[in-house]
Amino acid sequence: MLIAALLVHADNIQCHDSSATSKKRVIEKISHQLAANTGLISADAVFDALFDRERLGSTGLGKGVAIPHARVPRITHTIAAMLTLNQPVDFDAEDKEDVDIIFALLVPEDDGGDHLEHLASLVTTFREPKICQKIREIDDANKMFDLLLAIDDD
């Protein structure tokens, strides 16, 4: 799976956001990014889907990373957005570390399991401390996209 391919372009990345100061605000912020990519689903509907999934269990992976995700109707392919934060927020991660890297996915309601492969690949990538450190250092969406393209090529 190619991370940059899921994001499609740098417009789907926000670096060093300072307005998302809680888990709810993070999900709200990334819901707007994802909704803008669908043209079919409102940000409120995306928020509800992501927050409902979050109620089942935190999508905080640990080590400062979260991958909120949800199945939604009316989309035909996986949609992704990425957000990094100036100040980490509590995401109820199992390791109790606050989160500052968020990679969100919306998958078609009838997805046969491709999203599980995407999630597994994302988890593997974001468990690499060197990759996360590089991500945390970048403050420009285009540079972040270039980094993700380079990671995809490895």
Protein backbone atom coordinates (compact mmCIF):
# COMPACT_ATOMS: atom_id res chain seq x y z
CA MET A 1 0.00 0.00 0.00
CA LEU A 2 1.24 3.43 -0.83
CA ILE A 3 0.58 6.10 1.79
CA ALA A 4 1.01 9.00 -0.62
CA ALA A 5 -1.32 7.26 -3.06
CA LEU A 6 -4.07 7.22 -0.43
CA LEU A 7 -3.58 10.92 0.21
CA VAL A 8 -3.49 11.66 -3.55
CA HIS A 9 -1.86 15.10 -3.11
CA ALA A 10 -0.47 17.54 -0.55
CA ASP A 11 -3.82 19.35 -0.20
CA ASN A 12 -4.94 16.47 2.02
CA ILE A 13 -2.21 17.16 4.59
CA GLN A 14 -2.16 19.79 7.32
CA CYS A 15 1.06 20.30 9.27
CA HIS A 16 1.52 21.64 12.79
CA ASP A 17 -2.10 22.57 13.40
CA SER A 18 -2.65 24.51 16.60
CA SER A 19 -6.45 24.69 16.62
CA ALA A 20 -7.15 21.01 17.41
CA THR A 21 -6.72 20.87 21.17
CA SER A 22 -8.70 17.73 22.05
CA LYS A 23 -9.56 14.36 20.55
CA LYS A 24 -13.00 15.68 19.57
CA ARG A 25 -11.48 18.75 17.86
CA VAL A 26 -8.95 16.56 16.02
CA ILE A 27 -11.73 14.37 14.66
CA GLU A 28 -13.78 17.44 13.79
CA LYS A 29 -10.84 19.02 11.94
CA ILE A 30 -9.95 15.90 9.98
CA SER A 31 -13.64 15.30 9.21
CA HIS A 32 -13.70 18.58 7.29
CA GLN A 33 -10.59 17.54 5.33
CA LEU A 34 -12.10 14.17 4.45
CA ALA A 35 -15.53 15.56 3.57
CA ALA A 36 -13.94 18.04 1.18
CA ASN A 37 -12.50 15.06 -0.70
CA THR A 38 -15.77 13.20 -1.10
CA GLY A 39 -18.17 15.82 -2.38
CA LEU A 40 -20.83 13.33 -1.28
CA ILE A 41 -20.79 13.34 2.51
CA SER A 42 -21.01 16.24 4.92
CA ALA A 43 -18.32 16.92 7.49
CA ASP A 44 -20.94 16.23 10.18
CA ALA A 45 -21.64 12.77 8.75
CA VAL A 46 -17.90 12.03 8.55
CA PHE A 47 -17.45 13.23 12.13
CA ASP A 48 -20.31 11.01 13.33
CA ALA A 49 -18.85 7.97 11.54
CA LEU A 50 -15.34 8.55 12.91
CA PHE A 51 -16.56 9.33 16.42
CA ASP A 52 -18.88 6.28 16.45
CA ARG A 53 -15.90 4.11 15.49
CA GLU A 54 -13.79 5.78 18.16
CA ARG A 55 -16.38 4.89 20.80
CA LEU A 56 -15.75 1.21 20.03
CA GLY A 57 -12.12 1.65 21.03
CA SER A 58 -9.40 4.21 20.58
CA THR A 59 -7.64 4.33 17.25
CA GLY A 60 -4.58 5.70 19.03
CA LEU A 61 -1.79 3.30 18.06
CA GLY A 62 0.67 4.53 20.61
CA LYS A 63 3.91 6.47 20.31
CA GLY A 64 1.94 9.60 19.39
CA VAL A 65 0.06 8.23 16.37
CA ALA A 66 -3.66 7.70 15.71
CA ILE A 67 -5.44 6.29 12.67
CA PRO A 68 -9.14 7.17 12.95
CA HIS A 69 -11.13 5.29 10.34
CA ALA A 70 -14.71 4.43 9.45
CA ARG A 71 -16.87 2.81 6.82
CA VAL A 72 -19.21 5.25 5.13
CA PRO A 73 -21.92 4.94 2.47
CA ARG A 74 -21.78 6.45 -1.02
CA ILE A 75 -18.02 6.52 -1.50
CA THR A 76 -16.41 4.18 -4.00
CA HIS A 77 -12.78 4.23 -2.85
CA THR A 78 -10.70 4.86 0.25
CA ILE A 79 -10.19 8.52 1.13
CA ALA A 80 -7.39 9.72 3.40
CA ALA A 81 -6.21 12.86 5.16
CA MET A 82 -3.28 13.59 7.44
CA LEU A 83 -2.88 16.07 10.27
CA THR A 84 0.06 16.84 12.53
CA LEU A 85 -0.34 18.91 15.67
CA ASN A 86 1.76 21.54 17.40
CA GLN A 87 0.60 20.25 20.77
CA PRO A 88 -0.20 16.54 21.24
CA VAL A 89 -3.68 15.65 22.54
CA ASP A 90 -5.01 12.81 24.65
CA PHE A 91 -6.44 10.20 22.30
CA ASP A 92 -7.00 7.43 24.87
CA ALA A 93 -4.14 5.46 23.36
CA GLU A 94 -3.24 2.23 25.12
CA ASP A 95 0.27 3.48 25.94
CA LYS A 96 -1.24 6.68 27.43
CA GLU A 97 0.95 8.88 25.18
CA ASP A 98 -0.70 11.91 23.63
CA VAL A 99 -1.09 11.98 19.84
CA ASP A 100 0.38 14.46 17.38
CA ILE A 101 0.28 12.47 14.11
CA ILE A 102 -3.17 11.61 12.75
CA PHE A 103 -3.82 9.71 9.54
CA ALA A 104 -7.54 9.24 8.87
CA LEU A 105 -9.30 6.91 6.46
CA LEU A 106 -12.82 6.65 5.11
CA VAL A 107 -13.57 3.39 3.37
CA PRO A 108 -16.60 2.34 1.31
CA GLU A 109 -19.35 0.74 3.34
CA ASP A 110 -19.09 -2.44 1.26
CA ASP A 111 -15.27 -2.62 1.39
CA GLY A 112 -14.27 -6.25 1.27
CA GLY A 113 -11.30 -5.87 3.56
CA ASP A 114 -8.86 -3.75 1.58
CA HIS A 115 -8.93 -1.22 4.40
CA LEU A 116 -7.50 -3.84 6.76
CA GLU A 117 -4.47 -4.12 4.50
CA HIS A 118 -4.20 -0.33 4.42
CA LEU A 119 -4.41 -0.18 8.21
CA ALA A 120 -1.79 -2.90 8.65
CA SER A 121 0.58 -1.09 6.32
CA LEU A 122 0.00 2.24 8.05
CA VAL A 123 0.59 0.69 11.46
CA THR A 124 3.86 -0.82 10.25
CA THR A 125 5.01 2.50 8.80
CA PHE A 126 4.01 4.61 11.80
CA ARG A 127 5.66 2.26 14.26
CA GLU A 128 9.03 3.28 12.81
CA PRO A 129 10.45 5.92 15.20
CA LYS A 130 12.69 7.46 12.52
CA ILE A 131 9.76 7.98 10.16
CA CYS A 132 7.64 9.57 12.88
CA GLN A 133 10.49 11.85 13.88
CA LYS A 134 10.86 13.04 10.28
CA ILE A 135 7.10 13.60 10.06
CA ARG A 136 7.15 15.66 13.26
CA GLU A 137 9.92 17.88 11.90
CA ILE A 138 8.12 18.83 8.67
CA ASP A 139 5.99 21.97 8.68
CA ASP A 140 4.96 22.09 5.02
CA ALA A 141 2.36 19.89 3.32
CA ASN A 142 4.31 19.63 0.06
CA LYS A 143 7.46 18.54 1.89
CA MET A 144 5.38 16.04 3.89
CA PHE A 145 3.93 14.61 0.69
CA ASP A 146 7.46 14.29 -0.75
CA LEU A 147 8.56 12.44 2.39
CA LEU A 148 5.60 10.06 2.11
CA LEU A 149 6.39 9.46 -1.56
CA ALA A 150 9.96 8.57 -0.57
CA ILE A 151 8.68 6.21 2.13
CA ASP A 152 6.40 4.59 -0.47
CA ASP A 153 9.40 4.03 -2.74
CA ASP A 154 11.39 2.21 -0.02
